């Protein structure tokens, strides 16, 4: 038995996971290459 949806939510900036994945990927790449200095930079930016 397959699932049948009555309606689907439209993609909005809040539900756009592709953008969130891109940001997360960029942060992780920066941390991988920059190490602890990159972590401290993001921590300072995100804590404020």
Protein backbone atom coordinates (compact mmCIF):
# COMPACT_ATOMS: atom_id res chain seq x y z
CA UNK A 1 0.00 0.00 0.00
CA UNK A 2 1.54 3.29 -1.06
CA UNK A 3 1.21 6.62 0.72
CA UNK A 4 -1.08 9.14 -0.94
CA UNK A 5 -0.72 12.79 0.06
CA UNK A 6 -3.69 15.14 -0.08
CA UNK A 7 -1.47 18.20 -0.38
CA UNK A 8 2.21 19.10 -0.14
CA UNK A 9 3.87 22.07 1.48
CA UNK A 10 5.51 24.56 -0.84
CA UNK A 11 9.24 25.07 -0.55
CA UNK A 12 9.94 28.23 1.41
CA UNK A 13 13.18 29.72 2.72
CA UNK A 14 12.41 28.04 6.04
CA UNK A 15 12.02 24.59 4.48
CA UNK A 16 14.71 24.87 1.81
CA UNK A 17 17.10 22.21 3.04
CA UNK A 18 19.43 22.58 0.07
CA UNK A 19 20.50 26.03 1.27
CA UNK A 20 20.99 24.76 4.82
CA UNK A 21 23.06 21.82 3.57
CA UNK A 22 25.26 24.22 1.56
CA UNK A 23 25.90 26.41 4.60
CA UNK A 24 26.66 23.41 6.80
CA UNK A 25 28.97 21.95 4.17
CA UNK A 26 30.84 25.24 3.84
CA UNK A 27 31.27 25.51 7.61
CA UNK A 28 32.54 21.95 7.90
CA UNK A 29 34.95 22.43 4.99
CA UNK A 30 36.31 25.60 6.59
CA UNK A 31 36.73 23.82 9.92
CA UNK A 32 38.43 20.86 8.26
CA UNK A 33 40.96 23.09 6.54
CA UNK A 34 41.28 25.79 9.22
CA UNK A 35 41.21 23.67 12.33
CA UNK A 36 40.73 25.20 15.76
CA UNK A 37 41.16 28.76 14.45
CA UNK A 38 38.15 28.27 12.15
CA UNK A 39 36.11 26.83 15.02
CA UNK A 40 36.92 29.82 17.19
CA UNK A 41 35.98 32.18 14.34
CA UNK A 42 32.59 30.54 13.87
CA UNK A 43 32.00 30.38 17.60
CA UNK A 44 32.63 34.11 17.90
CA UNK A 45 30.32 34.87 14.96
CA UNK A 46 27.51 32.57 16.06
CA UNK A 47 27.61 33.46 19.75
CA UNK A 48 26.80 37.10 19.04
